[in-house]
Amino acid sequence: IAEAVGIAQSTASVHLQRLLDDEFVLVDRSSQASWYVVNAACIEQFPQAAEQVMGTLVGSIPLPDAAVQAPWHGQAEAMSKPS
């Protein structure tokens, strides 16, 4: 990912960790590699999720510094567990 977008690996790791913490992306570590995928629940439930997580909405005033609980928060574990 870092190479594809032209950033340092450490920078990519920091950004991916934030996306993981906010459950915007999910990670599959079942093999030797880690595979990151967009959490479909956040896309379906909140189209402006990236702006919400980052604290601003396009064409709007900045959001408060307080953490905003995303509507999909807590669903990642249920989605990643085998049935």
N, C-alpha and C. Protein backbone atom coordinates (compact mmCIF):
# COMPACT_ATOMS: atom_id res chain seq x y z
N ILE A 1 0.84 -1.19 0.00
CA ILE A 1 0.00 0.00 0.00
C ILE A 1 0.88 1.24 0.00
N ALA A 2 1.87 1.26 0.89
CA ALA A 2 2.74 2.43 1.01
C ALA A 2 3.42 2.74 -0.32
N GLU A 3 3.96 1.73 -0.96
CA GLU A 3 4.64 1.93 -2.23
C GLU A 3 3.67 2.42 -3.31
N ALA A 4 2.48 1.86 -3.33
CA ALA A 4 1.49 2.23 -4.36
C ALA A 4 1.08 3.69 -4.27
N VAL A 5 1.03 4.24 -3.06
CA VAL A 5 0.60 5.64 -2.91
C VAL A 5 1.76 6.59 -2.63
N GLY A 6 2.99 6.05 -2.60
CA GLY A 6 4.16 6.89 -2.48
C GLY A 6 4.39 7.49 -1.10
N ILE A 7 4.13 6.71 -0.05
CA ILE A 7 4.37 7.17 1.32
C ILE A 7 5.24 6.15 2.04
N ALA A 8 5.80 6.56 3.17
CA ALA A 8 6.62 5.66 3.97
C ALA A 8 5.75 4.55 4.57
N GLN A 9 6.36 3.38 4.77
CA GLN A 9 5.63 2.26 5.34
C GLN A 9 5.10 2.61 6.72
N SER A 10 5.88 3.34 7.50
CA SER A 10 5.43 3.72 8.85
C SER A 10 4.21 4.63 8.79
N THR A 11 4.17 5.52 7.80
CA THR A 11 3.01 6.40 7.63
C THR A 11 1.77 5.58 7.28
N ALA A 12 1.93 4.64 6.37
CA ALA A 12 0.81 3.77 5.99
C ALA A 12 0.31 2.98 7.20
N SER A 13 1.23 2.49 8.01
CA SER A 13 0.85 1.72 9.20
C SER A 13 0.03 2.55 10.17
N VAL A 14 0.44 3.79 10.38
CA VAL A 14 -0.30 4.68 11.29
C VAL A 14 -1.71 4.92 10.77
N HIS A 15 -1.83 5.19 9.48
CA HIS A 15 -3.15 5.45 8.90
C HIS A 15 -4.03 4.20 8.92
N LEU A 16 -3.46 3.06 8.59
CA LEU A 16 -4.23 1.81 8.63
C LEU A 16 -4.69 1.49 10.04
N GLN A 17 -3.83 1.74 11.03
CA GLN A 17 -4.23 1.48 12.41
C GLN A 17 -5.41 2.35 12.82
N ARG A 18 -5.39 3.61 12.40
CA ARG A 18 -6.52 4.50 12.73
C ARG A 18 -7.81 3.99 12.06
N LEU A 19 -7.70 3.58 10.81
CA LEU A 19 -8.87 3.04 10.11
C LEU A 19 -9.36 1.75 10.77
N LEU A 20 -8.43 0.92 11.25
CA LEU A 20 -8.80 -0.30 11.98
C LEU A 20 -9.47 0.04 13.30
N ASP A 21 -8.90 1.00 14.04
CA ASP A 21 -9.46 1.39 15.33
C ASP A 21 -10.90 1.88 15.19
N ASP A 22 -11.17 2.58 14.09
CA ASP A 22 -12.51 3.12 13.84
C ASP A 22 -13.39 2.14 13.07
N GLU A 23 -12.86 0.95 12.81
CA GLU A 23 -13.57 -0.12 12.10
C GLU A 23 -14.00 0.28 10.69
N PHE A 24 -13.27 1.22 10.09
CA PHE A 24 -13.54 1.60 8.70
C PHE A 24 -12.98 0.55 7.75
N VAL A 25 -11.91 -0.11 8.17
CA VAL A 25 -11.37 -1.25 7.44
C VAL A 25 -11.27 -2.43 8.40
N LEU A 26 -11.25 -3.63 7.83
CA LEU A 26 -11.08 -4.86 8.60
C LEU A 26 -9.81 -5.53 8.08
N VAL A 27 -9.20 -6.37 8.90
CA VAL A 27 -7.98 -7.05 8.48
C VAL A 27 -8.13 -8.55 8.69
N ASP A 28 -7.63 -9.30 7.72
CA ASP A 28 -7.61 -10.76 7.80
C ASP A 28 -6.15 -11.16 7.96
N ARG A 29 -5.81 -11.70 9.11
CA ARG A 29 -4.44 -12.11 9.38
C ARG A 29 -4.33 -13.64 9.45
N SER A 30 -5.18 -14.33 8.71
CA SER A 30 -5.20 -15.79 8.78
C SER A 30 -4.05 -16.44 8.02
N SER A 31 -3.38 -15.68 7.17
CA SER A 31 -2.23 -16.22 6.44
C SER A 31 -0.99 -15.44 6.87
N GLN A 32 0.11 -15.62 6.15
CA GLN A 32 1.34 -14.90 6.48
C GLN A 32 1.21 -13.42 6.19
N ALA A 33 0.35 -13.05 5.28
CA ALA A 33 0.14 -11.65 4.92
C ALA A 33 -1.11 -11.12 5.60
N SER A 34 -1.19 -9.82 5.73
CA SER A 34 -2.40 -9.16 6.25
C SER A 34 -3.15 -8.56 5.07
N TRP A 35 -4.43 -8.87 4.98
CA TRP A 35 -5.28 -8.35 3.91
C TRP A 35 -6.27 -7.37 4.51
N TYR A 36 -6.27 -6.15 4.01
CA TYR A 36 -7.17 -5.11 4.49
C TYR A 36 -8.33 -4.95 3.52
N VAL A 37 -9.54 -4.86 4.08
CA VAL A 37 -10.74 -4.65 3.26
C VAL A 37 -11.60 -3.57 3.90
N VAL A 38 -12.30 -2.83 3.06
CA VAL A 38 -13.22 -1.81 3.56
C VAL A 38 -14.38 -2.51 4.25
N ASN A 39 -14.77 -2.01 5.40
CA ASN A 39 -15.90 -2.55 6.15
C ASN A 39 -17.19 -2.14 5.43
N ALA A 40 -17.83 -3.08 4.78
CA ALA A 40 -19.04 -2.79 4.00
C ALA A 40 -20.14 -2.18 4.84
N ALA A 41 -20.21 -2.53 6.12
CA ALA A 41 -21.27 -1.98 6.99
C ALA A 41 -21.16 -0.47 7.10
N CYS A 42 -19.95 0.06 7.16
CA CYS A 42 -19.83 1.51 7.30
C CYS A 42 -20.18 2.21 6.00
N ILE A 43 -19.87 1.60 4.87
CA ILE A 43 -20.21 2.20 3.58
C ILE A 43 -21.72 2.24 3.41
N GLU A 44 -22.40 1.16 3.78
CA GLU A 44 -23.85 1.09 3.63
C GLU A 44 -24.58 2.02 4.59
N GLN A 45 -24.07 2.13 5.82
CA GLN A 45 -24.79 2.88 6.85
C GLN A 45 -24.45 4.36 6.90
N PHE A 46 -23.30 4.72 6.40
CA PHE A 46 -22.91 6.12 6.53
C PHE A 46 -21.98 6.51 5.38
N PRO A 47 -22.54 7.01 4.28
CA PRO A 47 -21.74 7.30 3.09
C PRO A 47 -20.59 8.28 3.32
N GLN A 48 -20.70 9.16 4.29
CA GLN A 48 -19.63 10.13 4.54
C GLN A 48 -18.76 9.70 5.72
N ALA A 49 -18.56 8.40 5.87
CA ALA A 49 -17.84 7.87 7.03
C ALA A 49 -16.41 8.40 7.13
N ALA A 50 -15.71 8.49 6.03
CA ALA A 50 -14.32 8.95 6.08
C ALA A 50 -14.24 10.37 6.64
N GLU A 51 -15.13 11.24 6.17
CA GLU A 51 -15.14 12.61 6.67
C GLU A 51 -15.49 12.65 8.15
N GLN A 52 -16.41 11.80 8.57
CA GLN A 52 -16.81 11.75 9.98
C GLN A 52 -15.64 11.31 10.86
N VAL A 53 -14.95 10.26 10.43
CA VAL A 53 -13.82 9.74 11.20
C VAL A 53 -12.70 10.78 11.29
N MET A 54 -12.46 11.51 10.21
CA MET A 54 -11.38 12.49 10.18
C MET A 54 -11.77 13.81 10.84
N GLY A 55 -13.04 14.01 11.15
CA GLY A 55 -13.46 15.19 11.89
C GLY A 55 -13.97 16.35 11.07
N THR A 56 -14.15 16.16 9.78
CA THR A 56 -14.70 17.23 8.94
C THR A 56 -15.67 16.63 7.94
N LEU A 57 -16.62 17.42 7.53
CA LEU A 57 -17.53 17.04 6.46
C LEU A 57 -17.31 18.01 5.32
N VAL A 58 -17.26 17.52 4.10
CA VAL A 58 -17.06 18.37 2.94
C VAL A 58 -18.20 19.38 2.86
N GLY A 59 -17.85 20.66 2.68
CA GLY A 59 -18.86 21.70 2.58
C GLY A 59 -19.52 22.03 3.89
N SER A 60 -18.90 21.72 5.00
CA SER A 60 -19.49 21.91 6.31
C SER A 60 -18.45 22.43 7.27
N ILE A 61 -18.89 22.82 8.45
CA ILE A 61 -17.96 23.25 9.48
C ILE A 61 -17.32 22.02 10.12
N PRO A 62 -16.12 22.17 10.71
CA PRO A 62 -15.49 21.02 11.37
C PRO A 62 -16.36 20.48 12.50
N LEU A 63 -16.28 19.19 12.71
CA LEU A 63 -17.00 18.54 13.79
C LEU A 63 -16.26 18.76 15.10
N PRO A 64 -16.92 18.60 16.24
CA PRO A 64 -16.24 18.74 17.53
C PRO A 64 -15.12 17.71 17.66
N ASP A 65 -14.17 18.01 18.54
CA ASP A 65 -13.04 17.11 18.77
C ASP A 65 -13.47 15.80 19.43
N ALA A 66 -14.60 15.80 20.09
CA ALA A 66 -15.06 14.60 20.79
C ALA A 66 -15.25 13.46 19.80
N ALA A 67 -14.93 12.26 20.25
CA ALA A 67 -15.09 11.09 19.39
C ALA A 67 -16.55 10.87 19.05
N VAL A 68 -16.80 10.53 17.82
CA VAL A 68 -18.16 10.26 17.36
C VAL A 68 -18.30 8.75 17.21
N GLN A 69 -19.30 8.19 17.83
CA GLN A 69 -19.53 6.75 17.74
C GLN A 69 -20.19 6.45 16.40
N ALA A 70 -19.49 5.76 15.55
CA ALA A 70 -20.00 5.43 14.23
C ALA A 70 -21.12 4.40 14.35
N PRO A 71 -22.12 4.46 13.46
CA PRO A 71 -23.25 3.54 13.54
C PRO A 71 -22.84 2.07 13.37
N TRP A 72 -21.73 1.81 12.72
CA TRP A 72 -21.28 0.44 12.50
C TRP A 72 -20.32 -0.03 13.59
N HIS A 73 -19.94 0.83 14.53
CA HIS A 73 -18.95 0.49 15.55
C HIS A 73 -19.37 -0.76 16.33
N GLY A 74 -18.46 -1.69 16.47
CA GLY A 74 -18.74 -2.92 17.20
C GLY A 74 -19.20 -4.07 16.33
N GLN A 75 -19.44 -3.82 15.05
CA GLN A 75 -19.92 -4.87 14.16
C GLN A 75 -18.78 -5.67 13.54
N ALA A 76 -17.56 -5.15 13.59
CA ALA A 76 -16.44 -5.81 12.92
C ALA A 76 -16.20 -7.21 13.46
N GLU A 77 -16.25 -7.38 14.77
CA GLU A 77 -16.02 -8.69 15.36
C GLU A 77 -17.05 -9.70 14.87
N ALA A 78 -18.30 -9.30 14.87
CA ALA A 78 -19.36 -10.21 14.43
C ALA A 78 -19.22 -10.56 12.96
N MET A 79 -18.77 -9.59 12.15
CA MET A 79 -18.63 -9.83 10.73
C MET A 79 -17.46 -10.73 10.41
N SER A 80 -16.40 -10.70 11.23
CA SER A 80 -15.20 -11.45 10.91
C SER A 80 -15.18 -12.86 11.49
N LYS A 81 -16.14 -13.19 12.36
CA LYS A 81 -16.18 -14.53 12.95
C LYS A 81 -16.87 -15.50 12.01
N PRO A 82 -16.28 -16.69 11.82
CA PRO A 82 -16.94 -17.69 10.97
C PRO A 82 -18.24 -18.17 11.59
N SER A 83 -19.19 -18.51 10.74
CA SER A 83 -20.51 -18.97 11.21
C SER A 83 -20.46 -20.41 11.63
